[in-house]
C-alpha atoms as a PDB file:
ATOM      1  CA  MET A   1     -52.987  64.145 -72.488  1.00  0.00           C
ATOM      2  CA  THR A   2     -50.413  65.166 -75.055  1.00  0.00           C
ATOM      3  CA  ILE A   3     -48.255  62.678 -76.983  1.00  0.00           C
ATOM      4  CA  THR A   4     -45.251  63.715 -74.929  1.00  0.00           C
ATOM      5  CA  LEU A   5     -47.042  63.154 -71.708  1.00  0.00           C
ATOM      6  CA  ARG A   6     -48.298  59.766 -72.877  1.00  0.00           C
ATOM      7  CA  ARG A   7     -44.730  58.836 -73.818  1.00  0.00           C
ATOM      8  CA  ILE A   8     -43.374  59.830 -70.372  1.00  0.00           C
ATOM      9  CA  ALA A   9     -46.207  57.834 -68.661  1.00  0.00           C
ATOM     10  CA  CYS A  10     -45.517  54.765 -70.721  1.00  0.00           C
ATOM     11  CA  ILE A  11     -41.736  54.970 -69.902  1.00  0.00           C
ATOM     12  CA  ALA A  12     -42.503  55.434 -66.268  1.00  0.00           C
ATOM     13  CA  ILE A  13     -44.851  52.377 -66.316  1.00  0.00           C
ATOM     14  CA  ALA A  14     -42.333  50.264 -68.102  1.00  0.00           C
ATOM     15  CA  ALA A  15     -39.640  51.072 -65.610  1.00  0.00           C
ATOM     16  CA  ILE A  16     -41.740  49.807 -62.696  1.00  0.00           C
ATOM     17  CA  PRO A  17     -40.877  46.133 -63.186  1.00  0.00           C
ATOM     18  CA  ALA A  18     -37.157  46.886 -63.551  1.00  0.00           C
ATOM     19  CA  ILE A  19     -37.084  48.918 -60.371  1.00  0.00           C
ATOM     20  CA  ALA A  20     -38.971  46.242 -58.526  1.00  0.00           C
ATOM     21  CA  HIS A  21     -36.541  43.628 -59.812  1.00  0.00           C
ATOM     22  CA  ALA A  22     -33.545  45.577 -58.629  1.00  0.00           C
ATOM     23  CA  GLN A  23     -35.008  46.143 -55.204  1.00  0.00           C
ATOM     24  CA  ASN A  24     -35.811  42.430 -54.687  1.00  0.00           C
ATOM     25  CA  TRP A  25     -32.567  41.165 -56.317  1.00  0.00           C
ATOM     26  CA  PRO A  26     -31.202  38.531 -55.846  1.00  0.00           C
ATOM     27  CA  VAL A  27     -33.985  36.036 -55.504  1.00  0.00           C
ATOM     28  CA  ARG A  28     -31.981  33.063 -56.909  1.00  0.00           C
ATOM     29  CA  PRO A  29     -28.317  32.039 -57.206  1.00  0.00           C
ATOM     30  CA  VAL A  30     -25.918  34.293 -59.216  1.00  0.00           C
ATOM     31  CA  ARG A  31     -23.259  32.989 -61.596  1.00  0.00           C
ATOM     32  CA  VAL A  32     -19.943  34.593 -61.413  1.00  0.00           C
ATOM     33  CA  ILE A  33     -17.906  33.737 -64.533  1.00  0.00           C
ATOM     34  CA  ALA A  34     -14.160  33.538 -63.917  1.00  0.00           C
ATOM     35  CA  PRO A  35     -12.742  33.636 -67.483  1.00  0.00           C
ATOM     36  CA  PHE A  36      -9.396  32.070 -66.391  1.00  0.00           C
ATOM     37  CA  ALA A  37      -8.298  28.724 -65.170  1.00  0.00           C
ATOM     38  CA  ALA A  38      -8.924  27.618 -61.588  1.00  0.00           C
ATOM     39  CA  GLY A  39      -6.144  28.360 -59.190  1.00  0.00           C
ATOM     40  CA  GLY A  40      -4.962  31.703 -60.375  1.00  0.00           C
ATOM     41  CA  THR A  41      -5.368  35.174 -58.842  1.00  0.00           C
ATOM     42  CA  ALA A  42      -8.602  35.785 -60.744  1.00  0.00           C
ATOM     43  CA  ASP A  43      -9.986  32.611 -59.343  1.00  0.00           C
ATOM     44  CA  LEU A  44      -8.860  33.318 -55.857  1.00  0.00           C
ATOM     45  CA  LEU A  45     -10.321  36.819 -55.838  1.00  0.00           C
ATOM     46  CA  GLY A  46     -13.554  35.626 -57.445  1.00  0.00           C
ATOM     47  CA  ARG A  47     -14.099  32.802 -54.930  1.00  0.00           C
ATOM     48  CA  ILE A  48     -13.238  34.911 -51.807  1.00  0.00           C
ATOM     49  CA  THR A  49     -15.614  37.680 -52.885  1.00  0.00           C
ATOM     50  CA  ALA A  50     -18.261  35.222 -53.995  1.00  0.00           C
ATOM     51  CA  GLY A  51     -18.180  33.558 -50.599  1.00  0.00           C
ATOM     52  CA  LYS A  52     -18.578  36.835 -48.724  1.00  0.00           C
ATOM     53  CA  LEU A  53     -21.379  37.994 -51.022  1.00  0.00           C
ATOM     54  CA  SER A  54     -23.214  34.676 -50.431  1.00  0.00           C
ATOM     55  CA  GLU A  55     -23.058  35.350 -46.699  1.00  0.00           C
ATOM     56  CA  SER A  56     -24.168  38.934 -46.839  1.00  0.00           C
ATOM     57  CA  MET A  57     -26.845  38.748 -49.547  1.00  0.00           C
ATOM     58  CA  GLY A  58     -28.673  35.586 -48.728  1.00  0.00           C
ATOM     59  CA  GLN A  59     -28.186  33.862 -52.102  1.00  0.00           C
ATOM     60  CA  SER A  60     -25.446  31.715 -53.517  1.00  0.00           C
ATOM     61  CA  PHE A  61     -22.761  33.455 -55.686  1.00  0.00           C
ATOM     62  CA  ILE A  62     -21.330  30.562 -57.686  1.00  0.00           C
ATOM     63  CA  VAL A  63     -17.940  30.959 -59.455  1.00  0.00           C
ATOM     64  CA  GLU A  64     -17.830  29.161 -62.837  1.00  0.00           C
ATOM     65  CA  ASN A  65     -14.486  28.931 -64.587  1.00  0.00           C
ATOM     66  CA  ARG A  66     -14.668  29.642 -68.412  1.00  0.00           C
ATOM     67  CA  PRO A  67     -11.076  29.904 -69.474  1.00  0.00           C
ATOM     68  CA  GLY A  68      -9.936  30.656 -73.040  1.00  0.00           C
ATOM     69  CA  ALA A  69      -8.308  33.416 -75.205  1.00  0.00           C
ATOM     70  CA  GLY A  70      -6.837  35.239 -72.302  1.00  0.00           C
ATOM     71  CA  GLY A  71     -10.181  35.858 -70.586  1.00  0.00           C
ATOM     72  CA  VAL A  72     -11.941  36.894 -73.823  1.00  0.00           C
ATOM     73  CA  LEU A  73     -14.279  33.987 -74.152  1.00  0.00           C
ATOM     74  CA  GLY A  74     -15.787  34.122 -70.740  1.00  0.00           C
ATOM     75  CA  SER A  75     -15.923  37.897 -70.840  1.00  0.00           C
ATOM     76  CA  GLU A  76     -17.834  37.877 -74.112  1.00  0.00           C
ATOM     77  CA  LEU A  77     -20.307  35.380 -72.619  1.00  0.00           C
ATOM     78  CA  VAL A  78     -21.157  37.908 -69.891  1.00  0.00           C
ATOM     79  CA  ALA A  79     -21.335  40.852 -72.269  1.00  0.00           C
ATOM     80  CA  ARG A  80     -24.054  39.038 -74.210  1.00  0.00           C
ATOM     81  CA  SER A  81     -25.967  37.928 -71.101  1.00  0.00           C
ATOM     82  CA  ALA A  82     -29.207  39.582 -69.839  1.00  0.00           C
ATOM     83  CA  PRO A  83     -28.532  42.508 -67.621  1.00  0.00           C
ATOM     84  CA  ASP A  84     -30.497  41.103 -64.759  1.00  0.00           C
ATOM     85  CA  GLY A  85     -27.798  40.669 -62.167  1.00  0.00           C
ATOM     86  CA  TYR A  86     -27.662  36.890 -62.362  1.00  0.00           C
ATOM     87  CA  THR A  87     -24.516  36.655 -64.537  1.00  0.00           C
ATOM     88  CA  LEU A  88     -21.411  38.545 -63.414  1.00  0.00           C
ATOM     89  CA  LEU A  89     -17.819  38.503 -64.434  1.00  0.00           C
ATOM     90  CA  VAL A  90     -14.402  38.469 -62.822  1.00  0.00           C
ATOM     91  CA  SER A  91     -12.936  40.984 -65.216  1.00  0.00           C
ATOM     92  CA  GLY A  92      -9.377  42.373 -65.227  1.00  0.00           C
ATOM     93  CA  VAL A  93      -6.470  44.146 -66.902  1.00  0.00           C
ATOM     94  CA  ALA A  94      -5.656  41.151 -69.279  1.00  0.00           C
ATOM     95  CA  SER A  95      -9.198  40.830 -70.632  1.00  0.00           C
ATOM     96  CA  HIS A  96     -10.304  44.388 -70.613  1.00  0.00           C
ATOM     97  CA  ALA A  97      -7.246  46.579 -71.015  1.00  0.00           C
ATOM     98  CA  ILE A  98      -4.555  44.493 -72.821  1.00  0.00           C
ATOM     99  CA  ALA A  99      -6.462  41.920 -74.943  1.00  0.00           C
ATOM    100  CA  PRO A 100      -8.408  44.585 -76.935  1.00  0.00           C
ATOM    101  CA  ALA A 101      -5.050  45.876 -78.198  1.00  0.00           C
ATOM    102  CA  LEU A 102      -3.715  42.538 -79.161  1.00  0.00           C
ATOM    103  CA  SER A 103      -6.249  41.985 -81.977  1.00  0.00           C
ATOM    104  CA  PRO A 104      -7.715  44.253 -84.642  1.00  0.00           C
ATOM    105  CA  LYS A 105     -11.019  42.273 -84.504  1.00  0.00           C
ATOM    106  CA  PHE A 106     -12.179  42.222 -80.928  1.00  0.00           C
ATOM    107  CA  PRO A 107     -15.617  40.770 -79.981  1.00  0.00           C
ATOM    108  CA  PHE A 108     -16.610  43.442 -77.402  1.00  0.00           C
ATOM    109  CA  ASP A 109     -16.000  46.993 -76.336  1.00  0.00           C
ATOM    110  CA  PRO A 110     -14.274  46.767 -72.859  1.00  0.00           C
ATOM    111  CA  VAL A 111     -15.969  49.787 -71.467  1.00  0.00           C
ATOM    112  CA  LYS A 112     -19.311  50.179 -73.247  1.00  0.00           C
ATOM    113  CA  ASP A 113     -20.424  46.610 -73.252  1.00  0.00           C
ATOM    114  CA  PHE A 114     -20.096  46.185 -69.507  1.00  0.00           C
ATOM    115  CA  ALA A 115     -21.302  47.708 -66.223  1.00  0.00           C
ATOM    116  CA  HIS A 116     -18.100  47.907 -64.273  1.00  0.00           C
ATOM    117  CA  ILE A 117     -19.068  47.315 -60.581  1.00  0.00           C
ATOM    118  CA  ALA A 118     -16.054  47.086 -58.276  1.00  0.00           C
ATOM    119  CA  LEU A 119     -12.233  46.747 -58.161  1.00  0.00           C
ATOM    120  CA  PHE A 120     -11.045  43.705 -56.215  1.00  0.00           C
ATOM    121  CA  GLY A 121      -7.429  44.826 -56.551  1.00  0.00           C
ATOM    122  CA  GLY A 122      -4.447  42.735 -57.481  1.00  0.00           C
ATOM    123  CA  PRO A 123      -0.811  42.003 -57.025  1.00  0.00           C
ATOM    124  CA  PRO A 124       2.074  43.999 -58.573  1.00  0.00           C
ATOM    125  CA  SER A 125       4.412  42.616 -61.150  1.00  0.00           C
ATOM    126  CA  VAL A 126       7.828  41.523 -59.883  1.00  0.00           C
ATOM    127  CA  LEU A 127      11.183  41.253 -61.670  1.00  0.00           C
ATOM    128  CA  ALA A 128      13.113  38.331 -60.039  1.00  0.00           C
ATOM    129  CA  VAL A 129      16.291  36.611 -60.997  1.00  0.00           C
ATOM    130  CA  HIS A 130      18.009  33.277 -60.232  1.00  0.00           C
ATOM    131  CA  PRO A 131      20.132  33.745 -57.076  1.00  0.00           C
ATOM    132  CA  SER A 132      23.320  32.786 -59.024  1.00  0.00           C
ATOM    133  CA  LEU A 133      23.136  35.934 -61.148  1.00  0.00           C
ATOM    134  CA  PRO A 134      25.651  38.459 -59.817  1.00  0.00           C
ATOM    135  CA  VAL A 135      23.133  41.290 -59.306  1.00  0.00           C
ATOM    136  CA  ARG A 136      21.414  42.624 -56.180  1.00  0.00           C
ATOM    137  CA  ASP A 137      19.238  45.447 -57.509  1.00  0.00           C
ATOM    138  CA  LEU A 138      17.976  47.063 -60.657  1.00  0.00           C
ATOM    139  CA  LYS A 139      21.105  49.162 -61.023  1.00  0.00           C
ATOM    140  CA  SER A 140      23.432  46.199 -61.027  1.00  0.00           C
ATOM    141  CA  PHE A 141      21.143  44.139 -63.235  1.00  0.00           C
ATOM    142  CA  ILE A 142      21.043  46.923 -65.961  1.00  0.00           C
ATOM    143  CA  ALA A 143      24.869  47.199 -65.806  1.00  0.00           C
ATOM    144  CA  PHE A 144      25.303  43.425 -66.012  1.00  0.00           C
ATOM    145  CA  ALA A 145      22.800  43.162 -68.955  1.00  0.00           C
ATOM    146  CA  LYS A 146      24.734  45.873 -70.862  1.00  0.00           C
ATOM    147  CA  THR A 147      27.874  43.735 -70.698  1.00  0.00           C
ATOM    148  CA  LYS A 148      25.914  40.852 -72.293  1.00  0.00           C
ATOM    149  CA  PRO A 149      23.830  42.522 -74.976  1.00  0.00           C
ATOM    150  CA  ARG A 150      20.849  40.249 -76.018  1.00  0.00           C
ATOM    151  CA  GLU A 151      22.259  37.262 -74.027  1.00  0.00           C
ATOM    152  CA  LEU A 152      20.133  37.514 -70.907  1.00  0.00           C
ATOM    153  CA  THR A 153      16.657  35.961 -71.122  1.00  0.00           C
ATOM    154  CA  TYR A 154      13.498  36.498 -69.039  1.00  0.00           C
ATOM    155  CA  GLY A 155      10.268  34.459 -68.946  1.00  0.00           C
ATOM    156  CA  SER A 156       6.690  35.710 -68.594  1.00  0.00           C
ATOM    157  CA  PRO A 157       3.275  34.072 -68.442  1.00  0.00           C
ATOM    158  CA  GLY A 158       2.884  34.805 -72.181  1.00  0.00           C
ATOM    159  CA  ASN A 159       2.873  37.371 -74.873  1.00  0.00           C
ATOM    160  CA  GLY A 160       0.848  40.423 -74.079  1.00  0.00           C
ATOM    161  CA  THR A 161       0.562  39.698 -70.377  1.00  0.00           C
ATOM    162  CA  GLN A 162       1.270  42.421 -68.054  1.00  0.00           C
ATOM    163  CA  GLY A 163       4.450  40.770 -66.917  1.00  0.00           C
ATOM    164  CA  HIS A 164       5.678  40.822 -70.491  1.00  0.00           C
ATOM    165  CA  LEU A 165       4.660  44.436 -71.002  1.00  0.00           C
ATOM    166  CA  ILE A 166       6.251  45.772 -67.740  1.00  0.00           C
ATOM    167  CA  ALA A 167       9.459  44.111 -68.602  1.00  0.00           C
ATOM    168  CA  GLU A 168       9.399  45.672 -72.123  1.00  0.00           C
ATOM    169  CA  LEU A 169       8.727  49.029 -70.645  1.00  0.00           C
ATOM    170  CA  PHE A 170      11.616  48.601 -68.215  1.00  0.00           C
ATOM    171  CA  LYS A 171      14.246  47.651 -70.816  1.00  0.00           C
ATOM    172  CA  ARG A 172      13.286  50.543 -73.016  1.00  0.00           C
ATOM    173  CA  SER A 173      13.254  52.998 -70.166  1.00  0.00           C
ATOM    174  CA  ALA A 174      16.675  51.772 -68.863  1.00  0.00           C
ATOM    175  CA  GLY A 175      18.201  51.466 -72.319  1.00  0.00           C
ATOM    176  CA  PHE A 176      19.312  47.812 -72.273  1.00  0.00           C
ATOM    177  CA  ASP A 177      17.923  44.612 -73.801  1.00  0.00           C
ATOM    178  CA  PHE A 178      17.081  41.059 -72.759  1.00  0.00           C
ATOM    179  CA  GLN A 179      15.241  38.450 -74.629  1.00  0.00           C
ATOM    180  CA  HIS A 180      11.600  37.531 -73.853  1.00  0.00           C
ATOM    181  CA  ILE A 181      10.621  33.920 -73.537  1.00  0.00           C
ATOM    182  CA  PRO A 182       6.826  33.554 -73.426  1.00  0.00           C
ATOM    183  CA  TYR A 183       5.252  30.627 -71.467  1.00  0.00           C
ATOM    184  CA  LYS A 184       1.763  29.221 -71.461  1.00  0.00           C
ATOM    185  CA  GLY A 185       1.132  30.554 -67.936  1.00  0.00           C
ATOM    186  CA  ALA A 186       3.444  31.521 -65.149  1.00  0.00           C
ATOM    187  CA  SER A 187       4.173  28.123 -63.578  1.00  0.00           C
ATOM    188  CA  GLY A 188       6.505  26.991 -66.391  1.00  0.00           C
ATOM    189  CA  ALA A 189       8.320  30.318 -66.249  1.00  0.00           C
ATOM    190  CA  VAL A 190       8.893  30.007 -62.535  1.00  0.00           C
ATOM    191  CA  VAL A 191      10.231  26.464 -62.779  1.00  0.00           C
ATOM    192  CA  ASP A 192      12.636  27.391 -65.620  1.00  0.00           C
ATOM    193  CA  VAL A 193      14.170  30.437 -63.903  1.00  0.00           C
ATOM    194  CA  MET A 194      14.682  28.383 -60.696  1.00  0.00           C
ATOM    195  CA  ALA A 195      16.362  25.670 -62.812  1.00  0.00           C
ATOM    196  CA  GLY A 196      18.662  28.142 -64.324  1.00  0.00           C
ATOM    197  CA  HIS A 197      17.239  27.791 -67.933  1.00  0.00           C
ATOM    198  CA  THR A 198      16.345  31.462 -67.916  1.00  0.00           C
ATOM    199  CA  HIS A 199      18.009  34.293 -66.094  1.00  0.00           C
ATOM    200  CA  ALA A 200      14.952  36.245 -64.874  1.00  0.00           C
ATOM    201  CA  ILE A 201      11.143  36.246 -64.689  1.00  0.00           C
ATOM    202  CA  SER A 202       8.609  39.054 -64.903  1.00  0.00           C
ATOM    203  CA  THR A 203       5.273  37.903 -63.485  1.00  0.00           C
ATOM    204  CA  THR A 204       2.853  38.561 -60.606  1.00  0.00           C
ATOM    205  CA  LEU A 205       4.169  38.806 -57.044  1.00  0.00           C
ATOM    206  CA  THR A 206       1.419  36.313 -56.106  1.00  0.00           C
ATOM    207  CA  THR A 207       2.967  33.627 -58.429  1.00  0.00           C
ATOM    208  CA  ALA A 208       6.530  34.181 -57.520  1.00  0.00           C
ATOM    209  CA  GLY A 209       6.136  35.141 -53.798  1.00  0.00           C
ATOM    210  CA  ALA A 210       6.609  31.704 -52.253  1.00  0.00           C
ATOM    211  CA  GLN A 211       9.828  31.145 -54.136  1.00  0.00           C
ATOM    212  CA  ILE A 212      11.161  34.600 -53.235  1.00  0.00           C
ATOM    213  CA  ARG A 213      10.370  34.087 -49.510  1.00  0.00           C
ATOM    214  CA  ALA A 214      12.147  30.729 -49.675  1.00  0.00           C
ATOM    215  CA  GLY A 215      15.282  32.293 -51.242  1.00  0.00           C
ATOM    216  CA  ARG A 216      14.958  30.329 -54.534  1.00  0.00           C
ATOM    217  CA  LEU A 217      14.435  33.565 -56.452  1.00  0.00           C
ATOM    218  CA  ARG A 218      15.835  37.039 -55.699  1.00  0.00           C
ATOM    219  CA  ALA A 219      13.371  39.877 -56.276  1.00  0.00           C
ATOM    220  CA  LEU A 220      14.882  43.050 -57.727  1.00  0.00           C
ATOM    221  CA  ALA A 221      11.726  45.328 -58.069  1.00  0.00           C
ATOM    222  CA  ILE A 222       7.981  45.315 -57.768  1.00  0.00           C
ATOM    223  CA  SER A 223       5.582  47.560 -59.740  1.00  0.00           C
ATOM    224  CA  SER A 224       3.437  48.753 -56.741  1.00  0.00           C
ATOM    225  CA  ALA A 225       3.395  52.396 -55.847  1.00  0.00           C
ATOM    226  CA  ALA A 226       5.132  51.805 -52.510  1.00  0.00           C
ATOM    227  CA  ARG A 227       6.870  48.838 -50.816  1.00  0.00           C
ATOM    228  CA  LEU A 228       4.552  46.180 -49.410  1.00  0.00           C
ATOM    229  CA  PRO A 229       4.658  45.237 -45.678  1.00  0.00           C
ATOM    230  CA  ASP A 230       5.193  41.531 -46.399  1.00  0.00           C
ATOM    231  CA  TYR A 231       7.951  42.289 -48.862  1.00  0.00           C
ATOM    232  CA  ALA A 232       9.520  45.345 -47.194  1.00  0.00           C
ATOM    233  CA  ASN A 233      12.989  44.545 -48.407  1.00  0.00           C
ATOM    234  CA  VAL A 234      11.959  44.567 -52.137  1.00  0.00           C
ATOM    235  CA  PRO A 235      12.241  48.103 -53.673  1.00  0.00           C
ATOM    236  CA  THR A 236       9.787  49.442 -56.223  1.00  0.00           C
ATOM    237  CA  TYR A 237      10.525  50.456 -59.823  1.00  0.00           C
ATOM    238  CA  ARG A 238       9.379  53.928 -58.822  1.00  0.00           C
ATOM    239  CA  GLU A 239      11.950  54.421 -56.165  1.00  0.00           C
ATOM    240  CA  ALA A 240      14.565  53.166 -58.601  1.00  0.00           C
ATOM    241  CA  GLY A 241      13.634  55.966 -61.010  1.00  0.00           C
ATOM    242  CA  TYR A 242      10.987  54.357 -63.182  1.00  0.00           C
ATOM    243  CA  PRO A 243       7.614  55.985 -62.135  1.00  0.00           C
ATOM    244  CA  ASP A 244       6.040  54.790 -65.369  1.00  0.00           C
ATOM    245  CA  LEU A 245       6.181  51.221 -64.156  1.00  0.00           C
ATOM    246  CA  VAL A 246       3.662  51.703 -61.313  1.00  0.00           C
ATOM    247  CA  ALA A 247       1.034  49.041 -62.161  1.00  0.00           C
ATOM    248  CA  THR A 248      -0.993  46.202 -60.722  1.00  0.00           C
ATOM    249  CA  ILE A 249      -2.359  43.101 -62.283  1.00  0.00           C
ATOM    250  CA  TRP A 250      -5.880  44.010 -61.270  1.00  0.00           C
ATOM    251  CA  PHE A 251      -9.068  42.057 -61.130  1.00  0.00           C
ATOM    252  CA  SER A 252     -12.639  43.251 -60.602  1.00  0.00           C
ATOM    253  CA  LEU A 253     -16.367  42.493 -60.730  1.00  0.00           C
ATOM    254  CA  SER A 254     -18.395  43.472 -63.796  1.00  0.00           C
ATOM    255  CA  GLY A 255     -21.660  42.699 -65.376  1.00  0.00           C
ATOM    256  CA  PRO A 256     -23.529  43.218 -68.735  1.00  0.00           C
ATOM    257  CA  ALA A 257     -24.124  46.768 -69.836  1.00  0.00           C
ATOM    258  CA  ALA A 258     -27.481  48.143 -68.688  1.00  0.00           C
ATOM    259  CA  LEU A 259     -27.218  46.367 -65.351  1.00  0.00           C
ATOM    260  CA  PRO A 260     -29.610  48.438 -63.106  1.00  0.00           C
ATOM    261  CA  THR A 261     -27.838  51.145 -61.059  1.00  0.00           C
ATOM    262  CA  GLU A 262     -29.347  49.929 -57.895  1.00  0.00           C
ATOM    263  CA  ILE A 263     -27.739  46.461 -58.338  1.00  0.00           C
ATOM    264  CA  VAL A 264     -24.398  48.012 -59.334  1.00  0.00           C
ATOM    265  CA  ASN A 265     -24.233  50.307 -56.284  1.00  0.00           C
ATOM    266  CA  ARG A 266     -25.343  47.627 -53.908  1.00  0.00           C
ATOM    267  CA  LEU A 267     -22.747  45.108 -55.092  1.00  0.00           C
ATOM    268  CA  ASN A 268     -20.030  47.803 -55.111  1.00  0.00           C
ATOM    269  CA  GLY A 269     -20.718  48.506 -51.372  1.00  0.00           C
ATOM    270  CA  GLU A 270     -20.847  44.845 -50.532  1.00  0.00           C
ATOM    271  CA  VAL A 271     -17.591  44.021 -52.307  1.00  0.00           C
ATOM    272  CA  ARG A 272     -15.775  46.980 -50.778  1.00  0.00           C
ATOM    273  CA  ARG A 273     -16.983  45.928 -47.279  1.00  0.00           C
ATOM    274  CA  ALA A 274     -15.930  42.338 -47.865  1.00  0.00           C
ATOM    275  CA  LEU A 275     -12.442  43.243 -49.032  1.00  0.00           C
ATOM    276  CA  GLN A 276     -11.845  45.069 -45.690  1.00  0.00           C
ATOM    277  CA  LEU A 277     -12.816  42.191 -43.419  1.00  0.00           C
ATOM    278  CA  PRO A 278      -9.882  41.038 -41.322  1.00  0.00           C
ATOM    279  CA  ASP A 279      -9.899  37.514 -42.573  1.00  0.00           C
ATOM    280  CA  VAL A 280      -9.904  38.626 -46.217  1.00  0.00           C
ATOM    281  CA  ARG A 281      -7.121  41.081 -45.563  1.00  0.00           C
ATOM    282  CA  ALA A 282      -5.089  38.451 -43.766  1.00  0.00           C
ATOM    283  CA  ARG A 283      -5.519  36.118 -46.896  1.00  0.00           C
ATOM    284  CA  LEU A 284      -4.631  38.805 -49.451  1.00  0.00           C
ATOM    285  CA  LEU A 285      -1.745  40.760 -47.974  1.00  0.00           C
ATOM    286  CA  PRO A 286       0.746  37.857 -48.102  1.00  0.00           C
ATOM    287  CA  GLU A 287      -0.092  37.461 -51.821  1.00  0.00           C
ATOM    288  CA  GLY A 288       0.927  41.080 -52.371  1.00  0.00           C
ATOM    289  CA  ILE A 289      -2.797  41.917 -53.115  1.00  0.00           C
ATOM    290  CA  GLU A 290      -3.967  45.489 -52.078  1.00  0.00           C
ATOM    291  CA  ALA A 291      -7.824  45.737 -51.985  1.00  0.00           C
ATOM    292  CA  GLY A 292      -9.590  48.191 -54.126  1.00  0.00           C
ATOM    293  CA  THR A 293     -11.743  51.009 -52.586  1.00  0.00           C
ATOM    294  CA  MET A 294     -13.317  52.788 -55.644  1.00  0.00           C
ATOM    295  CA  ASP A 295     -17.026  53.502 -56.147  1.00  0.00           C
ATOM    296  CA  ALA A 296     -18.605  52.138 -59.394  1.00  0.00           C
ATOM    297  CA  LYS A 297     -18.197  55.490 -61.187  1.00  0.00           C
ATOM    298  CA  ALA A 298     -14.598  55.874 -60.331  1.00  0.00           C
ATOM    299  CA  PHE A 299     -13.865  52.365 -61.214  1.00  0.00           C
ATOM    300  CA  THR A 300     -15.462  52.674 -64.597  1.00  0.00           C
ATOM    301  CA  GLU A 301     -13.246  55.662 -65.259  1.00  0.00           C
ATOM    302  CA  PHE A 302     -10.254  53.689 -64.151  1.00  0.00           C
ATOM    303  CA  VAL A 303     -11.022  50.925 -66.647  1.00  0.00           C
ATOM    304  CA  ALA A 304     -11.237  53.461 -69.512  1.00  0.00           C
ATOM    305  CA  ALA A 305      -8.001  54.995 -68.470  1.00  0.00           C
ATOM    306  CA  GLU A 306      -6.318  51.566 -68.369  1.00  0.00           C
ATOM    307  CA  VAL A 307      -7.479  50.826 -71.895  1.00  0.00           C
ATOM    308  CA  LYS A 308      -5.838  53.984 -73.151  1.00  0.00           C
ATOM    309  CA  ARG A 309      -2.721  53.379 -71.057  1.00  0.00           C
ATOM    310  CA  TRP A 310      -1.896  49.853 -72.309  1.00  0.00           C
ATOM    311  CA  ALA A 311      -2.845  50.187 -75.969  1.00  0.00           C
ATOM    312  CA  PRO A 312       0.278  52.047 -77.048  1.00  0.00           C
ATOM    313  CA  VAL A 313       2.453  49.671 -74.865  1.00  0.00           C
ATOM    314  CA  VAL A 314       1.007  46.659 -76.588  1.00  0.00           C
ATOM    315  CA  LYS A 315       1.670  48.219 -79.978  1.00  0.00           C
ATOM    316  CA  ALA A 316       5.230  49.046 -79.096  1.00  0.00           C
ATOM    317  CA  SER A 317       5.887  45.545 -77.766  1.00  0.00           C
ATOM    318  CA  GLY A 318       4.823  43.963 -81.023  1.00  0.00           C
ATOM    319  CA  ALA A 319       2.755  41.423 -79.098  1.00  0.00           C
ATOM    320  CA  LYS A 320      -0.124  39.803 -80.993  1.00  0.00           C
ATOM    321  CA  ALA A 321      -2.962  37.445 -79.848  1.00  0.00           C
ATOM    322  CA  ASP A 322      -1.721  33.819 -79.732  1.00  0.00           C
END
């Protein structure tokens, strides 16, 4: 046997345990790290999906919240975990597309250090105002803002969040200005705009939806590609002439790099099936969340494209890691 043949034989023999592991997986509970606080959209999607995976795969998928640094701490923990399928991550646009551009020293590569498995989906961003503001749509809002240069304020969940970045893109595209007030999360921003302390808010539709439905906030535009059935009276940025503002605050399932392809593909199929179940769709649609349908390859390409998309926006906004 030549050296080359010996090497091939050794590689093949070494691969047998990994293949057997992937075929038998999972044989014990799986941790799903949610790198954000409990109660948010990431936590909601992680827990709904984990519950369905537990039912379909015969093992517990246990969500563990590890918040910190905008999702970076929990994501780094998973990036450094063994690629055995027993530590997974609720990843997302904040931790994997925006955060890397906020800091010159970032602890992981958002594409190369992960196996990106499946897109959960996510809500669009919404621009909403206090009902007392004399505006009904984006056109009247822009006209009003131009009569009060730098007087209007808007809140967002924080510097570098997608709510912040979409609002900055909007004001540059429309040629007006309003002042950003960053909050430590969306709840404080919602409270202050309802109280009249700020004029507007740019955040997820999930966060502001209940107040919009109750008439305590007036939605001017959402960042989805088309109007949503549960918010049919709210126009999109795109139909108002701003096609660059089509975006969702997406969340997803990822694992450490080198996770076996068999596990990745199996999880992708199970997640996509779970997201189409009637009870799951009934839970997500009122939140403005459209479920993802990509296979693992397409989703990985999507993540890479999102990294490239948001880096220059972050730079132009001047946002830095808090």
